[in-house]
Protein backbone atom coordinates (compact mmCIF):
# COMPACT_ATOMS: atom_id res chain seq x y z
CA UNK A 1 -17.99 -69.38 29.73
CA UNK A 2 -14.08 -69.24 27.73
CA UNK A 3 -13.09 -66.24 26.00
CA UNK A 4 -13.42 -65.77 22.14
CA UNK A 5 -11.02 -67.39 19.78
CA UNK A 6 -11.01 -63.55 18.40
CA UNK A 7 -11.69 -61.61 21.80
CA UNK A 8 -8.63 -59.56 21.22
CA UNK A 9 -10.26 -58.38 17.87
CA UNK A 10 -13.80 -57.74 19.45
CA UNK A 11 -12.39 -55.43 22.20
CA UNK A 12 -9.99 -53.81 19.83
CA UNK A 13 -13.49 -53.13 17.68
CA UNK A 14 -15.07 -51.56 20.99
CA UNK A 15 -11.64 -49.60 22.26
CA UNK A 16 -9.60 -48.58 19.73
CA UNK A 17 -11.41 -45.53 18.72
CA UNK A 18 -8.48 -43.65 17.45
CA UNK A 19 -8.02 -45.98 14.21
CA UNK A 20 -10.53 -46.42 11.62
CA UNK A 21 -11.32 -50.26 10.96
CA UNK A 22 -12.99 -52.66 8.38
CA UNK A 23 -14.58 -55.14 10.10
CA UNK A 24 -14.63 -58.67 8.02
CA UNK A 25 -16.16 -61.82 9.19
CA UNK A 26 -18.75 -64.40 7.88
CA UNK A 27 -22.71 -64.28 8.34
CA UNK A 28 -23.50 -64.08 12.02
CA UNK A 29 -20.67 -63.77 13.80
CA UNK A 30 -21.24 -60.72 15.99
CA UNK A 31 -19.95 -57.88 13.40
CA UNK A 32 -23.65 -55.74 13.83
CA UNK A 33 -23.41 -56.49 17.90
CA UNK A 34 -19.95 -55.06 17.79
CA UNK A 35 -20.13 -52.52 15.66
CA UNK A 36 -22.91 -51.41 17.45
CA UNK A 37 -20.83 -51.55 20.89
CA UNK A 38 -18.23 -48.94 18.78
CA UNK A 39 -20.62 -46.89 17.86
CA UNK A 40 -21.77 -46.48 21.26
CA UNK A 41 -18.34 -45.93 22.77
CA UNK A 42 -17.98 -43.12 20.30
CA UNK A 43 -20.84 -41.66 21.48
CA UNK A 44 -20.56 -41.77 24.63
CA UNK A 45 -16.75 -40.62 24.44
CA UNK A 46 -17.85 -37.49 22.80
CA UNK A 47 -15.29 -38.21 20.04
CA UNK A 48 -17.99 -37.73 17.76
CA UNK A 49 -21.77 -37.56 16.58
CA UNK A 50 -23.05 -40.00 14.92
CA UNK A 51 -23.85 -37.52 11.86
CA UNK A 52 -20.16 -37.61 11.09
CA UNK A 53 -20.19 -41.74 11.72
CA UNK A 54 -20.50 -43.72 8.24
CA UNK A 55 -21.34 -47.39 8.63
CA UNK A 56 -21.51 -49.52 5.87
CA UNK A 57 -22.99 -53.17 5.34
CA UNK A 58 -24.01 -55.40 2.34
CA UNK A 59 -27.58 -55.69 2.55
CA UNK A 60 -30.70 -53.13 3.41
CA UNK A 61 -31.52 -55.70 6.35
CA UNK A 62 -28.39 -55.35 7.57
CA UNK A 63 -28.10 -52.17 7.73
CA UNK A 64 -31.93 -51.94 9.17
CA UNK A 65 -30.70 -54.18 11.76
CA UNK A 66 -27.77 -52.18 12.88
CA UNK A 67 -30.12 -48.79 12.87
CA UNK A 68 -32.62 -50.94 15.03
CA UNK A 69 -30.08 -52.07 17.70
CA UNK A 70 -28.31 -48.36 17.70
CA UNK A 71 -31.50 -47.24 19.05
CA UNK A 72 -32.20 -49.84 21.50
CA UNK A 73 -28.46 -49.16 22.81
CA UNK A 74 -29.06 -45.59 22.81
CA UNK A 75 -32.13 -46.14 24.93
CA UNK A 76 -31.10 -48.18 27.19
CA UNK A 77 -27.81 -46.11 27.46
CA UNK A 78 -29.56 -43.01 28.41
CA UNK A 79 -30.58 -44.68 31.66
CA UNK A 80 -27.30 -44.57 33.51
CA UNK A 81 -25.33 -41.91 31.13
CA UNK A 82 -24.08 -38.61 33.01
CA UNK A 83 -25.93 -35.40 31.88
CA UNK A 84 -23.08 -34.86 29.53
CA UNK A 85 -23.39 -38.34 27.86
CA UNK A 86 -27.55 -38.04 28.03
CA UNK A 87 -27.00 -34.60 26.08
CA UNK A 88 -25.15 -36.43 23.65
CA UNK A 89 -27.02 -39.50 23.17
CA UNK A 90 -30.12 -37.34 23.02
CA UNK A 91 -28.68 -35.67 19.75
CA UNK A 92 -27.81 -39.13 18.27
CA UNK A 93 -31.27 -40.21 18.68
CA UNK A 94 -32.00 -37.33 16.38
CA UNK A 95 -29.54 -38.19 14.47
CA UNK A 96 -30.52 -41.44 14.03
CA UNK A 97 -32.65 -41.49 10.84
CA UNK A 98 -30.71 -39.58 9.05
CA UNK A 99 -27.71 -41.38 9.67
CA UNK A 100 -25.03 -42.93 7.28
CA UNK A 101 -25.62 -46.38 8.21
CA UNK A 102 -26.73 -48.42 4.73
CA UNK A 103 -25.35 -50.38 1.84
CA UNK A 104 -22.17 -50.39 -0.62
CA UNK A 105 -24.66 -49.40 -3.06
CA UNK A 106 -26.28 -46.49 -1.67
CA UNK A 107 -23.29 -45.28 0.30
């Protein structure tokens, strides 16, 4: 499988945790997937908690999808996480329902 033309941008979303990023792309290009990976990187690294993250989307459907995907990834990661990471992930699950993931209008 050949790398995507925008692979470097995707990699930056996942790994450049020192900067605030705005991710803008057409529907169906993988924004939600990359943002979920970015949030997971932030949580696992201990750089922040879910309560301190804001993720803004255009639709309620997209916000709901992001929360569902986050829950799935958090639960999957708990099984392979270190004890310290597992504590962070348990906290993230507790914070998920109140997380600041929503629409531009809701924000």
